[in-house]
Amino acid sequence: MNKKQLAGKVAKASKLTKLEAEKMIDLMLNCISESLLKGEKVRLVGFGNFIIRTRAGRVGRNPQTGEKIKIESTKSPAFVPGINFKAAIKGK
């Protein structure tokens, strides 16, 4: 399902227009992104958490030369599903 299809389902369930539903989805995604950029965790009880994971820096090797290189630490967004969401997917 893509964003337009999701907006169609939201519009049908909420009696909004598809355009209004798409704007609401965009707004929600922007709010989640802004919160993560500020370093905040976004918790949607029963669904899951959006978090930023930090991967520590380390020493790696260049596969062509075997030379040691320093790999900087990185941050990346992650989603951790909630218990209810996991149970629903498992069919329990």
N, C-alpha and C. Protein backbone atom coordinates (compact mmCIF):
# COMPACT_ATOMS: atom_id res chain seq x y z
N MET A 1 0.85 -1.17 0.00
CA MET A 1 0.00 0.00 0.00
C MET A 1 0.90 1.24 0.00
N ASN A 2 0.61 2.16 -0.87
CA ASN A 2 1.36 3.41 -0.90
C ASN A 2 0.57 4.51 -0.19
N LYS A 3 1.14 5.72 -0.16
CA LYS A 3 0.52 6.81 0.60
C LYS A 3 -0.84 7.21 0.04
N LYS A 4 -1.00 7.21 -1.26
CA LYS A 4 -2.29 7.57 -1.85
C LYS A 4 -3.37 6.55 -1.49
N GLN A 5 -3.00 5.28 -1.51
CA GLN A 5 -3.95 4.23 -1.14
C GLN A 5 -4.32 4.34 0.35
N LEU A 6 -3.31 4.62 1.18
CA LEU A 6 -3.57 4.82 2.60
C LEU A 6 -4.50 6.01 2.81
N ALA A 7 -4.25 7.10 2.10
CA ALA A 7 -5.10 8.29 2.21
C ALA A 7 -6.53 7.95 1.79
N GLY A 8 -6.70 7.12 0.79
CA GLY A 8 -8.03 6.71 0.36
C GLY A 8 -8.76 5.94 1.46
N LYS A 9 -8.04 5.03 2.14
CA LYS A 9 -8.66 4.27 3.23
C LYS A 9 -9.00 5.18 4.41
N VAL A 10 -8.09 6.09 4.74
CA VAL A 10 -8.33 7.03 5.84
C VAL A 10 -9.52 7.92 5.50
N ALA A 11 -9.57 8.39 4.27
CA ALA A 11 -10.67 9.26 3.84
C ALA A 11 -12.01 8.53 3.96
N LYS A 12 -12.03 7.29 3.53
CA LYS A 12 -13.28 6.51 3.58
C LYS A 12 -13.73 6.27 5.03
N ALA A 13 -12.77 5.94 5.90
CA ALA A 13 -13.09 5.65 7.29
C ALA A 13 -13.46 6.89 8.09
N SER A 14 -12.90 8.05 7.71
CA SER A 14 -13.12 9.27 8.50
C SER A 14 -14.05 10.27 7.84
N LYS A 15 -14.52 9.95 6.65
CA LYS A 15 -15.40 10.84 5.89
C LYS A 15 -14.72 12.17 5.54
N LEU A 16 -13.41 12.12 5.38
CA LEU A 16 -12.66 13.28 4.87
C LEU A 16 -12.50 13.09 3.37
N THR A 17 -12.08 14.14 2.69
CA THR A 17 -11.74 13.97 1.28
C THR A 17 -10.37 13.31 1.21
N LYS A 18 -10.04 12.75 0.06
CA LYS A 18 -8.72 12.12 -0.10
C LYS A 18 -7.62 13.15 0.08
N LEU A 19 -7.83 14.36 -0.41
CA LEU A 19 -6.83 15.42 -0.27
C LEU A 19 -6.62 15.78 1.20
N GLU A 20 -7.70 15.89 1.95
CA GLU A 20 -7.59 16.20 3.38
C GLU A 20 -6.89 15.08 4.13
N ALA A 21 -7.22 13.85 3.79
CA ALA A 21 -6.59 12.70 4.43
C ALA A 21 -5.10 12.66 4.12
N GLU A 22 -4.73 12.95 2.87
CA GLU A 22 -3.32 12.95 2.50
C GLU A 22 -2.57 14.05 3.24
N LYS A 23 -3.19 15.21 3.41
CA LYS A 23 -2.57 16.31 4.16
C LYS A 23 -2.37 15.90 5.62
N MET A 24 -3.34 15.19 6.20
CA MET A 24 -3.22 14.74 7.59
C MET A 24 -2.08 13.72 7.74
N ILE A 25 -1.96 12.83 6.78
CA ILE A 25 -0.88 11.85 6.81
C ILE A 25 0.46 12.56 6.70
N ASP A 26 0.57 13.52 5.77
CA ASP A 26 1.81 14.30 5.62
C ASP A 26 2.15 15.03 6.91
N LEU A 27 1.14 15.62 7.53
CA LEU A 27 1.35 16.35 8.78
C LEU A 27 1.85 15.41 9.87
N MET A 28 1.26 14.24 9.98
CA MET A 28 1.67 13.27 10.99
C MET A 28 3.12 12.83 10.75
N LEU A 29 3.47 12.53 9.52
CA LEU A 29 4.83 12.10 9.20
C LEU A 29 5.83 13.21 9.46
N ASN A 30 5.46 14.45 9.14
CA ASN A 30 6.36 15.59 9.42
C ASN A 30 6.56 15.76 10.91
N CYS A 31 5.51 15.62 11.70
CA CYS A 31 5.62 15.75 13.16
C CYS A 31 6.53 14.66 13.72
N ILE A 32 6.41 13.43 13.23
CA ILE A 32 7.27 12.34 13.68
C ILE A 32 8.71 12.65 13.31
N SER A 33 8.94 13.09 12.09
CA SER A 33 10.30 13.40 11.63
C SER A 33 10.92 14.52 12.46
N GLU A 34 10.17 15.58 12.70
CA GLU A 34 10.68 16.71 13.48
C GLU A 34 11.03 16.28 14.90
N SER A 35 10.19 15.45 15.50
CA SER A 35 10.46 14.98 16.86
C SER A 35 11.73 14.13 16.90
N LEU A 36 11.91 13.26 15.92
CA LEU A 36 13.11 12.44 15.89
C LEU A 36 14.36 13.29 15.67
N LEU A 37 14.25 14.33 14.84
CA LEU A 37 15.39 15.22 14.62
C LEU A 37 15.78 15.96 15.89
N LYS A 38 14.83 16.20 16.78
CA LYS A 38 15.10 16.85 18.06
C LYS A 38 15.65 15.86 19.09
N GLY A 39 15.70 14.57 18.73
CA GLY A 39 16.18 13.55 19.64
C GLY A 39 15.11 12.96 20.52
N GLU A 40 13.85 13.24 20.23
CA GLU A 40 12.73 12.73 21.02
C GLU A 40 12.27 11.39 20.47
N LYS A 41 11.76 10.55 21.36
CA LYS A 41 11.15 9.28 20.96
C LYS A 41 9.66 9.55 20.71
N VAL A 42 9.10 8.94 19.68
CA VAL A 42 7.67 9.07 19.40
C VAL A 42 7.02 7.75 19.77
N ARG A 43 6.12 7.79 20.77
CA ARG A 43 5.47 6.57 21.27
C ARG A 43 4.00 6.58 20.87
N LEU A 44 3.60 5.57 20.14
CA LEU A 44 2.20 5.37 19.78
C LEU A 44 1.74 4.09 20.48
N VAL A 45 1.12 4.26 21.64
CA VAL A 45 0.76 3.13 22.49
C VAL A 45 -0.11 2.14 21.71
N GLY A 46 0.28 0.88 21.78
CA GLY A 46 -0.44 -0.17 21.08
C GLY A 46 0.08 -0.41 19.67
N PHE A 47 0.82 0.55 19.13
CA PHE A 47 1.35 0.41 17.77
C PHE A 47 2.86 0.22 17.80
N GLY A 48 3.58 1.18 18.39
CA GLY A 48 5.03 1.06 18.47
C GLY A 48 5.71 2.39 18.72
N ASN A 49 7.03 2.36 18.68
CA ASN A 49 7.85 3.54 18.95
C ASN A 49 8.75 3.84 17.76
N PHE A 50 8.89 5.11 17.46
CA PHE A 50 9.86 5.57 16.48
C PHE A 50 11.02 6.15 17.28
N ILE A 51 12.22 5.66 17.03
CA ILE A 51 13.39 6.10 17.79
C ILE A 51 14.56 6.37 16.85
N ILE A 52 15.60 7.00 17.41
CA ILE A 52 16.86 7.17 16.69
C ILE A 52 17.86 6.22 17.33
N ARG A 53 18.47 5.37 16.53
CA ARG A 53 19.50 4.47 17.02
C ARG A 53 20.86 5.04 16.63
N THR A 54 21.80 4.93 17.54
CA THR A 54 23.16 5.39 17.28
C THR A 54 24.08 4.18 17.18
N ARG A 55 24.80 4.12 16.09
CA ARG A 55 25.77 3.05 15.90
C ARG A 55 27.15 3.63 16.20
N ALA A 56 27.86 3.00 17.10
CA ALA A 56 29.15 3.52 17.53
C ALA A 56 30.17 3.49 16.39
N GLY A 57 31.11 4.41 16.46
CA GLY A 57 32.21 4.42 15.49
C GLY A 57 33.08 3.19 15.71
N ARG A 58 33.80 2.81 14.68
CA ARG A 58 34.63 1.62 14.79
C ARG A 58 35.75 1.69 13.76
N VAL A 59 36.67 0.75 13.86
CA VAL A 59 37.76 0.65 12.88
C VAL A 59 37.40 -0.47 11.92
N GLY A 60 37.45 -0.16 10.63
CA GLY A 60 37.17 -1.15 9.60
C GLY A 60 38.37 -1.33 8.69
N ARG A 61 38.20 -2.09 7.66
CA ARG A 61 39.28 -2.30 6.69
C ARG A 61 38.78 -2.04 5.28
N ASN A 62 39.62 -1.42 4.49
CA ASN A 62 39.34 -1.25 3.08
C ASN A 62 39.51 -2.62 2.43
N PRO A 63 38.46 -3.16 1.80
CA PRO A 63 38.56 -4.52 1.25
C PRO A 63 39.55 -4.65 0.09
N GLN A 64 39.85 -3.55 -0.58
CA GLN A 64 40.79 -3.63 -1.71
C GLN A 64 42.24 -3.61 -1.25
N THR A 65 42.54 -2.79 -0.25
CA THR A 65 43.93 -2.63 0.18
C THR A 65 44.23 -3.28 1.53
N GLY A 66 43.20 -3.57 2.31
CA GLY A 66 43.41 -4.12 3.64
C GLY A 66 43.79 -3.05 4.66
N GLU A 67 43.84 -1.81 4.21
CA GLU A 67 44.22 -0.69 5.08
C GLU A 67 43.12 -0.43 6.11
N LYS A 68 43.53 -0.12 7.35
CA LYS A 68 42.56 0.20 8.39
C LYS A 68 41.99 1.59 8.13
N ILE A 69 40.67 1.71 8.32
CA ILE A 69 40.02 3.01 8.17
C ILE A 69 39.09 3.23 9.36
N LYS A 70 38.91 4.49 9.71
CA LYS A 70 38.02 4.83 10.82
C LYS A 70 36.62 5.06 10.26
N ILE A 71 35.65 4.37 10.83
CA ILE A 71 34.25 4.53 10.43
C ILE A 71 33.58 5.34 11.53
N GLU A 72 33.04 6.49 11.17
CA GLU A 72 32.41 7.40 12.12
C GLU A 72 31.11 6.80 12.66
N SER A 73 30.68 7.27 13.83
CA SER A 73 29.40 6.84 14.37
C SER A 73 28.27 7.42 13.52
N THR A 74 27.16 6.71 13.47
CA THR A 74 26.02 7.16 12.66
C THR A 74 24.73 7.06 13.46
N LYS A 75 23.76 7.83 13.03
CA LYS A 75 22.43 7.77 13.61
C LYS A 75 21.46 7.38 12.51
N SER A 76 20.46 6.56 12.87
CA SER A 76 19.45 6.20 11.89
C SER A 76 18.11 6.01 12.59
N PRO A 77 17.01 6.34 11.89
CA PRO A 77 15.70 6.15 12.47
C PRO A 77 15.34 4.66 12.51
N ALA A 78 14.55 4.29 13.50
CA ALA A 78 14.12 2.90 13.62
C ALA A 78 12.70 2.87 14.17
N PHE A 79 12.01 1.78 13.87
CA PHE A 79 10.67 1.56 14.40
C PHE A 79 10.70 0.29 15.23
N VAL A 80 10.18 0.36 16.45
CA VAL A 80 10.09 -0.79 17.33
C VAL A 80 8.60 -1.08 17.53
N PRO A 81 8.10 -2.19 16.99
CA PRO A 81 6.66 -2.47 17.11
C PRO A 81 6.26 -2.74 18.56
N GLY A 82 5.05 -2.33 18.89
CA GLY A 82 4.50 -2.56 20.22
C GLY A 82 3.97 -3.98 20.38
N ILE A 83 3.71 -4.34 21.61
CA ILE A 83 3.25 -5.70 21.92
C ILE A 83 1.93 -6.02 21.20
N ASN A 84 0.98 -5.08 21.23
CA ASN A 84 -0.31 -5.33 20.59
C ASN A 84 -0.16 -5.49 19.08
N PHE A 85 0.69 -4.69 18.49
CA PHE A 85 0.92 -4.74 17.04
C PHE A 85 1.57 -6.08 16.67
N LYS A 86 2.58 -6.51 17.45
CA LYS A 86 3.22 -7.78 17.20
C LYS A 86 2.21 -8.93 17.29
N ALA A 87 1.38 -8.88 18.33
CA ALA A 87 0.38 -9.94 18.53
C ALA A 87 -0.62 -9.98 17.37
N ALA A 88 -1.01 -8.80 16.88
CA ALA A 88 -1.96 -8.75 15.76
C ALA A 88 -1.34 -9.35 14.51
N ILE A 89 -0.07 -9.10 14.28
CA ILE A 89 0.61 -9.65 13.10
C ILE A 89 0.75 -11.17 13.22
N LYS A 90 1.03 -11.65 14.43
CA LYS A 90 1.18 -13.08 14.64
C LYS A 90 -0.17 -13.80 14.61
N GLY A 91 -1.27 -13.04 14.69
CA GLY A 91 -2.59 -13.63 14.64
C GLY A 91 -3.11 -14.11 15.98
N LYS A 92 -2.60 -13.52 17.05
CA LYS A 92 -3.04 -13.91 18.39
C LYS A 92 -4.05 -12.95 18.93
